[in-house]
């Protein structure tokens, strides 16, 4: 009977999302969705055996950012089923979203109860936050699936002590650290607590904990893999003047933010508002969290899941403030706490029918509050009409040949123009005053200049000396010397 409930909920979730598969990628953070989809398209068209194909910053059209496992898997699936890059990306994202939902259910069932598992599954699928990002072509839920699998593997290893499980754990943690190291950093807290206290009583804690050293092997392998990829990508990016601003050293402030940002209550208020699409209101989360910690035995582990909501912004304040989708990292942890709190209260109701009624009413109320919250309403608006328009992309399609190389100025970091127009190019960010476009790129690789700002001087903006001919209000063709 429970299996039917899970299957029905998953089927409804997919059915409701299916019409959105063809929606444009402009509903929120279009630059990130289109950046991922652009790489998927490059893999699909240019072959799967490429480094990190991203034709945004000039030749050789490679920009190793995160390890592109998601993009590779999406391209592989897209080539097999004959889907477009957008559909391939959305299908792959939806798969990992559903997998994360299933893992939340398994983990909640294991830690708390069957009712908590089903509640977690429903909340994960139907909260506004999950609705918005569940099929967005982004890497987020591949990383969270790897984190959740790692937690389960640690539990199974503690119970069975199999080296095959250590091997599997090494693989899942490596995927986590490679695909999104910022997610790995946040999940280290609950992972460490599970490894430390699962099946450990106070009396035998010191003796048993020392026997769990094989878990450190898996974490060490993943950490080395993550650091190796970071070192490799940083070395690669440091050799190109147009990608130097993307190295770890250059992005330190952007990733971590400042002490002043952490002390500014307005920033915390904004992040809390983002979270309303998950928990409805912060007071609701606090009350349900206290119930979850008080009413179940695994108090420290539950507190670790709840702490993820604080750890993420504390470590990466600027990222969480600037990008609300970063809450994808802690979304499964928050849902686990919510499910535990609701199921914890329901278990004290005397009869089964009343227990299910209390749980069902609580879940419905939480979903309703989340959807009518300001952030939940914003999700509805984004889904219905989108947020962004890219007229320059249409202008590029009308006035440049297919496959042309475009220099964009005044557009900052925005792959949308290249993805929507099907062009490649060089985004001049203005972050490095010494950037000089190599003369040998003009003609063979780059033939046009396009601007997101009206009325600019294209030669002054690019530093090029070649003559240019206007082909439209915001596009100029470069005349090679």
Protein backbone atom coordinates (compact mmCIF):
# COMPACT_ATOMS: atom_id res chain seq x y z
CA UNK A 1 0.00 0.00 0.00
CA UNK A 2 2.83 2.38 0.89
CA UNK A 3 4.55 1.60 -2.41
CA UNK A 4 1.40 2.63 -4.27
CA UNK A 5 1.43 5.92 -2.37
CA UNK A 6 5.05 6.61 -3.32
CA UNK A 7 4.46 5.67 -6.95
CA UNK A 8 1.32 7.80 -7.18
CA UNK A 9 3.04 10.83 -5.64
CA UNK A 10 6.01 10.52 -8.00
CA UNK A 11 3.72 10.08 -11.01
CA UNK A 12 1.71 13.19 -10.07
CA UNK A 13 4.91 15.19 -9.57
CA UNK A 14 6.19 14.21 -13.02
CA UNK A 15 2.80 14.74 -14.66
CA UNK A 16 2.50 18.27 -13.25
CA UNK A 17 6.04 19.19 -14.28
CA UNK A 18 5.88 17.69 -17.77
CA UNK A 19 4.32 20.75 -19.46
CA UNK A 20 7.19 22.86 -18.08
CA UNK A 21 9.85 20.81 -19.87
CA UNK A 22 9.48 23.05 -22.92
CA UNK A 23 9.40 26.28 -20.92
CA UNK A 24 12.22 28.69 -21.67
CA UNK A 25 15.12 28.81 -19.25
CA UNK A 26 14.39 32.39 -18.27
CA UNK A 27 12.24 31.89 -15.16
CA UNK A 28 15.10 32.46 -12.69
CA UNK A 29 18.89 32.64 -12.84
CA UNK A 30 18.78 32.15 -16.58
CA UNK A 31 22.55 32.66 -16.84
CA UNK A 32 23.18 29.52 -14.76
CA UNK A 33 20.60 27.35 -16.48
CA UNK A 34 21.78 28.37 -19.94
CA UNK A 35 25.44 27.99 -19.02
CA UNK A 36 24.80 24.35 -18.07
CA UNK A 37 22.64 23.74 -21.14
CA UNK A 38 25.21 25.37 -23.41
CA UNK A 39 27.82 22.87 -22.23
CA UNK A 40 25.35 20.02 -22.75
CA UNK A 41 24.83 21.21 -26.32
CA UNK A 42 28.58 21.37 -26.93
CA UNK A 43 28.97 17.79 -25.75
CA UNK A 44 26.07 16.62 -27.88
CA UNK A 45 27.32 18.37 -31.03
CA UNK A 46 31.09 18.09 -30.58
CA UNK A 47 31.39 14.68 -28.95
CA UNK A 48 31.54 13.44 -25.37
CA UNK A 49 35.34 13.30 -25.20
CA UNK A 50 35.99 16.98 -24.52
CA UNK A 51 37.37 18.65 -21.42
CA UNK A 52 34.82 21.33 -20.45
CA UNK A 53 33.42 22.78 -23.66
CA UNK A 54 32.13 26.26 -22.95
CA UNK A 55 32.50 28.69 -25.89
CA UNK A 56 32.28 31.89 -23.86
CA UNK A 57 35.79 33.16 -23.25
CA UNK A 58 37.59 32.69 -26.51
CA UNK A 59 39.74 29.87 -27.89
CA UNK A 60 40.23 27.05 -27.16
CA UNK A 61 36.58 27.30 -26.07
CA UNK A 62 37.16 25.30 -22.88
CA UNK A 63 36.46 26.59 -19.34
CA UNK A 64 36.84 23.98 -16.58
CA UNK A 65 34.58 25.13 -13.76
CA UNK A 66 32.88 22.38 -11.74
CA UNK A 67 33.59 18.83 -12.89
CA UNK A 68 31.06 18.49 -15.75
CA UNK A 69 29.62 15.08 -14.83
CA UNK A 70 26.02 16.31 -14.96
CA UNK A 71 26.50 17.93 -18.36
CA UNK A 72 28.17 14.80 -19.71
CA UNK A 73 25.39 12.51 -18.44
CA UNK A 74 22.72 14.82 -19.87
CA UNK A 75 24.45 14.93 -23.26
CA UNK A 76 24.85 11.15 -23.26
CA UNK A 77 21.15 10.67 -22.46
CA UNK A 78 20.13 13.33 -24.98
CA UNK A 79 22.06 11.64 -27.78
CA UNK A 80 20.50 8.29 -26.96
CA UNK A 81 16.88 9.46 -26.90
CA UNK A 82 17.28 12.18 -29.53
CA UNK A 83 16.28 15.03 -27.22
CA UNK A 84 17.27 18.67 -27.51
CA UNK A 85 19.94 19.94 -25.08
CA UNK A 86 17.27 21.71 -23.02
CA UNK A 87 15.08 18.62 -22.73
CA UNK A 88 18.13 16.44 -22.04
CA UNK A 89 19.18 18.81 -19.25
CA UNK A 90 15.70 19.00 -17.75
CA UNK A 91 15.21 15.21 -17.88
CA UNK A 92 18.57 14.58 -16.21
CA UNK A 93 17.85 17.19 -13.55
CA UNK A 94 14.40 15.68 -12.92
CA UNK A 95 15.94 12.22 -12.56
CA UNK A 96 18.36 13.37 -9.86
CA UNK A 97 15.60 15.40 -8.19
CA UNK A 98 13.40 12.29 -7.96
CA UNK A 99 16.38 10.24 -6.81
CA UNK A 100 17.06 12.80 -4.06
CA UNK A 101 13.40 12.63 -3.03
CA UNK A 102 13.60 8.83 -2.80
CA UNK A 103 16.81 9.03 -0.77
CA UNK A 104 15.19 11.54 1.61
CA UNK A 105 12.33 9.05 2.09
CA UNK A 106 14.72 6.17 2.73
CA UNK A 107 16.80 8.18 5.17
CA UNK A 108 13.79 9.59 7.02
CA UNK A 109 12.32 6.09 7.31
CA UNK A 110 15.60 4.77 8.68
CA UNK A 111 16.16 7.60 11.16
CA UNK A 112 12.56 8.20 12.24
CA UNK A 113 9.59 6.22 10.86
CA UNK A 114 7.77 5.10 7.75
CA UNK A 115 5.38 8.02 8.15
CA UNK A 116 8.32 10.45 8.29
CA UNK A 117 9.70 8.89 5.12
CA UNK A 118 6.47 9.40 3.21
CA UNK A 119 6.02 12.93 4.54
CA UNK A 120 9.56 13.78 3.47
CA UNK A 121 8.89 12.40 0.00
CA UNK A 122 5.71 14.48 -0.42
CA UNK A 123 7.30 17.68 0.86
CA UNK A 124 10.39 17.28 -1.29
CA UNK A 125 8.29 16.84 -4.44
CA UNK A 126 5.68 19.54 -3.91
CA UNK A 127 7.17 22.43 -1.94
CA UNK A 128 7.58 25.55 -4.11
CA UNK A 129 11.37 25.40 -3.95
CA UNK A 130 11.38 21.85 -5.30
CA UNK A 131 8.85 22.82 -7.93
CA UNK A 132 11.02 25.64 -9.22
CA UNK A 133 14.33 23.79 -9.35
CA UNK A 134 13.23 20.16 -9.69
CA UNK A 135 13.66 20.07 -13.47
CA UNK A 136 15.91 23.09 -13.99
CA UNK A 137 18.97 21.99 -16.00
CA UNK A 138 21.43 22.54 -13.18
CA UNK A 139 23.88 20.40 -11.25
CA UNK A 140 22.38 20.93 -7.79
CA UNK A 141 20.45 17.71 -7.25
CA UNK A 142 23.21 15.47 -8.58
CA UNK A 143 25.31 16.84 -5.72
CA UNK A 144 22.56 16.43 -3.11
CA UNK A 145 21.86 12.88 -4.29
CA UNK A 146 25.55 12.07 -3.82
CA UNK A 147 25.45 13.58 -0.30
CA UNK A 148 22.35 11.59 0.70
CA UNK A 149 23.76 8.36 -0.72
CA UNK A 150 26.92 8.99 1.30
CA UNK A 151 24.95 9.32 4.53
CA UNK A 152 23.12 6.04 3.86
CA UNK A 153 26.35 4.24 2.94
CA UNK A 154 27.94 5.34 6.21
CA UNK A 155 24.99 3.93 8.14
CA UNK A 156 25.15 0.63 6.23
CA UNK A 157 28.91 0.37 6.69
CA UNK A 158 28.67 0.89 10.44
CA UNK A 159 26.15 -1.95 10.58
CA UNK A 160 27.90 -4.36 8.17
CA UNK A 161 31.60 -3.35 8.02
CA UNK A 162 32.02 -4.22 4.33
CA UNK A 163 34.94 -2.85 2.31
CA UNK A 164 32.67 -2.81 -0.72
CA UNK A 165 30.65 -0.17 1.08
CA UNK A 166 33.82 1.85 1.70
CA UNK A 167 34.51 1.66 -2.03
CA UNK A 168 30.96 2.81 -2.83
CA UNK A 169 31.24 5.57 -0.24
CA UNK A 170 34.53 6.72 -1.78
CA UNK A 171 32.77 6.97 -5.14
CA UNK A 172 29.72 8.85 -3.85
CA UNK A 173 31.82 11.32 -1.87
CA UNK A 174 34.13 11.82 -4.84
CA UNK A 175 31.14 12.68 -7.04
CA UNK A 176 29.98 15.11 -4.34
CA UNK A 177 33.35 16.85 -4.02
CA UNK A 178 33.94 17.00 -7.78
CA UNK A 179 30.51 18.14 -8.91
CA UNK A 180 29.94 20.82 -6.27
CA UNK A 181 32.50 21.28 -3.54
CA UNK A 182 30.40 23.99 -1.87
CA UNK A 183 27.69 21.38 -1.29
CA UNK A 184 30.29 18.97 0.06
CA UNK A 185 31.51 21.53 2.61
CA UNK A 186 28.01 22.03 4.00
CA UNK A 187 27.22 18.32 4.14
CA UNK A 188 30.43 17.49 5.99
CA UNK A 189 28.61 18.44 9.22
CA UNK A 190 25.72 15.91 9.04
CA UNK A 191 28.00 13.31 7.43
CA UNK A 192 30.50 13.65 10.28
CA UNK A 193 27.77 13.41 12.93
CA UNK A 194 26.28 10.28 11.36
CA UNK A 195 29.74 8.68 11.18
CA UNK A 196 30.42 9.63 14.79
CA UNK A 197 27.24 8.79 16.67
CA UNK A 198 25.28 6.21 14.66
CA UNK A 199 24.77 3.17 16.94
CA UNK A 200 27.14 4.68 19.50
CA UNK A 201 26.01 4.79 23.10
CA UNK A 202 27.71 7.17 25.51
CA UNK A 203 29.29 4.25 27.34
CA UNK A 204 31.08 2.80 24.30
CA UNK A 205 31.54 5.97 22.27
CA UNK A 206 35.31 6.29 22.66
CA UNK A 207 35.98 2.61 21.89
CA UNK A 208 33.65 2.35 18.90
CA UNK A 209 34.59 5.68 17.33
CA UNK A 210 38.22 4.66 16.98
CA UNK A 211 37.14 1.63 14.93
CA UNK A 212 35.51 3.77 12.29
CA UNK A 213 38.79 4.91 10.74
CA UNK A 214 38.00 3.32 7.31
CA UNK A 215 35.43 6.07 6.82
CA UNK A 216 38.30 8.55 6.83
CA UNK A 217 39.78 6.73 3.82
CA UNK A 218 36.67 7.44 1.75
CA UNK A 219 36.62 11.08 2.84
CA UNK A 220 40.34 11.40 2.10
CA UNK A 221 39.96 9.99 -1.42
CA UNK A 222 37.09 12.38 -2.16
CA UNK A 223 38.96 15.34 -0.70
CA UNK A 224 42.06 14.61 -2.76
CA UNK A 225 39.95 14.25 -5.92
CA UNK A 226 38.20 17.55 -5.25
CA UNK A 227 41.45 19.38 -4.55
CA UNK A 228 43.12 17.82 -7.61
CA UNK A 229 40.34 19.01 -9.91
CA UNK A 230 40.42 22.47 -8.33
CA UNK A 231 44.19 22.67 -8.79
CA UNK A 232 43.96 21.47 -12.39
CA UNK A 233 41.14 23.87 -13.30
CA UNK A 234 42.88 26.79 -11.59
CA UNK A 235 46.11 26.12 -13.48
CA UNK A 236 44.19 25.88 -16.75
CA UNK A 237 42.25 29.10 -16.14
CA UNK A 238 45.29 31.03 -14.95
CA UNK A 239 46.93 30.55 -18.37
CA UNK A 240 44.19 32.51 -20.17
CA UNK A 241 43.86 36.22 -19.46
CA UNK A 242 40.10 36.02 -19.96
CA UNK A 243 39.58 33.20 -17.45
CA UNK A 244 41.96 34.31 -14.71
CA UNK A 245 39.10 35.95 -12.81
CA UNK A 246 37.51 32.49 -12.43
CA UNK A 247 40.37 30.92 -10.44
CA UNK A 248 39.77 30.03 -6.79
CA UNK A 249 41.99 32.84 -5.55
CA UNK A 250 40.14 35.42 -7.64
CA UNK A 251 36.74 34.17 -6.47
CA UNK A 252 37.57 33.97 -2.76
CA UNK A 253 35.56 37.03 -1.79
CA UNK A 254 32.73 36.20 -4.20
CA UNK A 255 32.37 32.72 -2.71
CA UNK A 256 32.83 33.44 0.97
CA UNK A 257 31.79 37.06 1.35
CA UNK A 258 32.95 39.37 4.12
CA UNK A 259 32.56 39.59 7.87
CA UNK A 260 30.42 42.70 7.37
CA UNK A 261 28.03 40.71 5.19
CA UNK A 262 27.64 38.13 7.94
CA UNK A 263 26.90 40.84 10.50
CA UNK A 264 24.32 42.54 8.29
CA UNK A 265 20.85 41.43 9.38
CA UNK A 266 19.44 42.45 5.98
CA UNK A 267 21.43 39.65 4.33
CA UNK A 268 20.11 37.07 6.78
CA UNK A 269 16.61 38.39 6.27
CA UNK A 270 16.94 37.94 2.51
CA UNK A 271 18.20 34.36 2.87
CA UNK A 272 15.41 33.61 5.33
CA UNK A 273 12.91 34.93 2.80
CA UNK A 274 14.36 32.64 0.13
CA UNK A 275 13.73 29.77 2.54
CA UNK A 276 10.03 30.58 2.80
CA UNK A 277 9.51 28.54 -0.36
CA UNK A 278 10.67 25.55 1.74
CA UNK A 279 9.34 26.07 5.27
CA UNK A 280 6.72 28.79 4.79
CA UNK A 281 7.96 30.97 7.65
CA UNK A 282 11.09 30.76 9.77
CA UNK A 283 9.01 30.45 12.97
CA UNK A 284 7.35 27.33 11.55
CA UNK A 285 10.76 25.80 10.87
CA UNK A 286 12.01 26.58 14.37
CA UNK A 287 8.95 25.02 16.02
CA UNK A 288 9.03 21.91 13.84
CA UNK A 289 12.81 21.61 14.31
CA UNK A 290 12.45 21.64 18.10
CA UNK A 291 9.75 18.97 17.86
CA UNK A 292 11.99 16.83 15.62
CA UNK A 293 14.93 17.08 18.02
CA UNK A 294 12.85 16.48 21.12
CA UNK A 295 10.66 13.62 19.92
CA UNK A 296 13.17 11.30 18.21
CA UNK A 297 16.25 9.47 19.55
CA UNK A 298 18.75 10.67 16.92
CA UNK A 299 18.82 14.19 18.34
CA UNK A 300 22.39 15.10 17.41
CA UNK A 301 21.98 13.89 13.81
CA UNK A 302 18.69 15.78 13.48
CA UNK A 303 20.37 18.91 14.85
CA UNK A 304 23.12 18.40 12.27
CA UNK A 305 20.58 18.42 9.45
CA UNK A 306 18.97 21.56 10.86
CA UNK A 307 22.38 23.21 11.27
CA UNK A 308 23.01 22.88 7.53
CA UNK A 309 20.60 25.78 7.00
CA UNK A 310 22.93 27.96 9.07
CA UNK A 311 26.27 26.47 8.03
CA UNK A 312 25.74 27.12 4.30
CA UNK A 313 25.30 30.90 4.57
CA UNK A 314 27.85 31.19 7.38
CA UNK A 315 30.54 29.71 5.17
CA UNK A 316 29.40 30.98 1.76
CA UNK A 317 27.45 34.11 2.68
CA UNK A 318 27.78 35.90 -0.64
CA UNK A 319 26.81 32.82 -2.68
CA UNK A 320 23.67 32.18 -0.63
CA UNK A 321 22.72 35.86 -0.63
CA UNK A 322 23.21 36.34 -4.37
CA UNK A 323 21.76 32.99 -5.56
CA UNK A 324 18.64 31.63 -3.92
CA UNK A 325 19.07 28.32 -5.76
CA UNK A 326 22.02 27.61 -3.45
CA UNK A 327 19.44 26.51 -0.90
CA UNK A 328 19.25 23.35 -3.03
CA UNK A 329 22.28 22.28 -1.01
CA UNK A 330 20.34 22.26 2.25
CA UNK A 331 16.88 21.51 0.82
CA UNK A 332 17.02 17.75 1.60
CA UNK A 333 18.29 18.43 5.12
CA UNK A 334 15.50 20.92 5.84
CA UNK A 335 12.88 18.54 4.47
CA UNK A 336 14.23 15.75 6.69
CA UNK A 337 13.81 17.98 9.74
CA UNK A 338 10.30 19.03 8.71
CA UNK A 339 9.26 15.43 8.10
CA UNK A 340 10.71 14.32 11.44
CA UNK A 341 8.92 17.09 13.33
CA UNK A 342 5.51 16.40 11.77
CA UNK A 343 5.84 12.62 12.18
CA UNK A 344 7.13 13.09 15.73
CA UNK A 345 4.00 14.98 16.78
CA UNK A 346 1.72 12.58 14.89
CA UNK A 347 3.10 9.49 16.63
CA UNK A 348 1.62 10.65 19.93
CA UNK A 349 -1.89 10.70 18.48
CA UNK A 350 -3.65 7.59 19.88
CA UNK A 351 -5.33 6.06 16.80
CA UNK A 352 -4.00 5.34 13.31
CA UNK A 353 -6.77 7.23 11.54
CA UNK A 354 -6.30 10.30 13.71
CA UNK A 355 -2.51 10.05 13.33
CA UNK A 356 -2.72 10.08 9.54
CA UNK A 357 -5.24 12.93 9.68
CA UNK A 358 -2.92 15.04 11.81
CA UNK A 359 0.05 14.28 9.56
CA UNK A 360 -1.94 14.97 6.39
CA UNK A 361 -3.35 18.24 7.71
CA UNK A 362 0.11 19.35 8.83
CA UNK A 363 1.66 18.57 5.45
CA UNK A 364 -1.17 20.32 3.61
CA UNK A 365 -0.89 23.38 5.87
CA UNK A 366 2.88 23.58 5.43
CA UNK A 367 2.55 23.32 1.65
CA UNK A 368 -0.17 25.98 1.65
CA UNK A 369 1.82 28.42 3.78
CA UNK A 370 4.92 27.89 1.62
CA UNK A 371 3.00 28.50 -1.60
CA UNK A 372 1.24 31.64 -0.38
CA UNK A 373 4.40 33.11 1.14
CA UNK A 374 5.99 35.98 -0.84
CA UNK A 375 8.70 33.67 -2.13
CA UNK A 376 6.20 30.95 -2.99
CA UNK A 377 4.14 33.44 -4.98
CA UNK A 378 7.31 34.55 -6.74
CA UNK A 379 7.91 30.92 -7.78
CA UNK A 380 4.42 30.83 -9.30
CA UNK A 381 5.06 34.07 -11.16
CA UNK A 382 8.41 32.91 -12.51
CA UNK A 383 6.93 29.63 -13.67
CA UNK A 384 4.06 31.36 -15.45
CA UNK A 385 5.79 34.21 -17.24
CA UNK A 386 9.55 34.08 -16.71
CA UNK A 387 11.69 36.97 -15.57
CA UNK A 388 14.16 37.82 -18.29
CA UNK A 389 14.21 38.86 -21.94
CA UNK A 390 17.24 38.72 -24.24
CA UNK A 391 16.58 40.90 -27.29
CA UNK A 392 20.27 40.96 -28.22
CA UNK A 393 20.14 37.19 -28.81
CA UNK A 394 17.42 37.62 -31.43
CA UNK A 395 19.40 40.47 -32.95
CA UNK A 396 22.43 38.18 -33.26
CA UNK A 397 20.38 35.50 -35.00
CA UNK A 398 19.03 38.03 -37.53
CA UNK A 399 22.31 39.80 -38.30
CA UNK A 400 25.16 37.28 -37.97
CA UNK A 401 25.76 33.94 -39.69
CA UNK A 402 25.33 30.71 -37.79
CA UNK A 403 28.47 29.73 -35.90
CA UNK A 404 29.88 33.27 -35.92
CA UNK A 405 32.27 34.36 -33.18
CA UNK A 406 30.92 37.29 -31.15
CA UNK A 407 32.66 39.66 -28.73
CA UNK A 408 30.11 40.90 -26.20
CA UNK A 409 30.60 44.07 -24.20
CA UNK A 410 28.50 45.42 -21.38
CA UNK A 411 26.81 42.03 -20.88
CA UNK A 412 28.99 40.92 -17.94
CA UNK A 413 28.88 37.13 -17.36
CA UNK A 414 25.82 35.94 -19.24
CA UNK A 415 25.95 32.85 -21.47
CA UNK A 416 22.30 33.37 -22.42
CA UNK A 417 23.16 35.40 -25.53
CA UNK A 418 25.40 32.64 -26.87
CA UNK A 419 23.06 29.82 -25.95
CA UNK A 420 19.94 31.42 -27.43
CA UNK A 421 21.68 32.59 -30.61
CA UNK A 422 23.73 29.45 -31.19
CA UNK A 423 26.93 31.50 -31.43
CA UNK A 424 30.31 31.27 -29.69
CA UNK A 425 32.30 34.16 -28.42
CA UNK A 426 34.27 36.16 -25.92
CA UNK A 427 32.55 37.86 -23.01
CA UNK A 428 34.49 40.96 -22.00
CA UNK A 429 33.72 41.26 -18.31
CA UNK A 430 35.67 44.41 -17.54
CA UNK A 431 37.16 42.70 -14.49
CA UNK A 432 40.70 42.81 -15.85
CA UNK A 433 41.81 46.19 -17.19
CA UNK A 434 44.78 44.58 -18.94
CA UNK A 435 42.69 42.27 -21.13
CA UNK A 436 43.85 42.50 -24.74
CA UNK A 437 42.16 40.54 -27.50
CA UNK A 438 44.83 38.66 -29.49
CA UNK A 439 45.04 39.93 -33.06
CA UNK A 440 45.18 36.38 -34.43
CA UNK A 441 41.68 35.68 -33.04
CA UNK A 442 40.10 38.40 -35.19
CA UNK A 443 38.76 36.88 -38.38
CA UNK A 444 39.30 33.15 -37.85
CA UNK A 445 37.60 33.00 -34.42
CA UNK A 446 35.85 36.32 -33.77
CA UNK A 447 34.08 38.37 -36.45
CA UNK A 448 31.52 40.56 -34.66
CA UNK A 449 31.08 42.85 -31.66
CA UNK A 450 27.73 42.99 -29.87
CA UNK A 451 26.74 45.29 -27.03
CA UNK A 452 24.17 45.10 -24.26
CA UNK A 453 24.53 48.87 -23.79
CA UNK A 454 23.19 51.24 -26.42
CA UNK A 455 25.37 53.96 -27.91
CA UNK A 456 28.82 52.58 -27.16
CA UNK A 457 31.94 52.96 -29.26
CA UNK A 458 32.75 49.33 -30.18
CA UNK A 459 36.42 50.02 -30.87
CA UNK A 460 36.96 51.84 -27.58
CA UNK A 461 35.03 49.17 -25.66
CA UNK A 462 37.04 46.29 -27.10
CA UNK A 463 40.42 47.95 -27.55
CA UNK A 464 40.50 46.79 -31.17
CA UNK A 465 42.02 48.93 -33.92
CA UNK A 466 40.30 47.21 -36.83
CA UNK A 467 37.56 49.13 -38.59
CA UNK A 468 33.99 48.05 -37.86
CA UNK A 469 30.78 48.25 -39.83
CA UNK A 470 27.42 48.50 -38.06
CA UNK A 471 25.05 45.73 -39.18
CA UNK A 472 22.30 46.55 -36.64
CA UNK A 473 21.85 49.01 -33.76
CA UNK A 474 23.91 46.88 -31.33
CA UNK A 475 26.09 44.71 -33.60
CA UNK A 476 29.18 45.54 -35.67
CA UNK A 477 31.15 43.42 -38.10
CA UNK A 478 34.91 43.57 -37.67
CA UNK A 479 36.85 44.28 -40.85
CA UNK A 480 40.18 42.42 -40.55
CA UNK A 481 43.31 44.37 -41.44
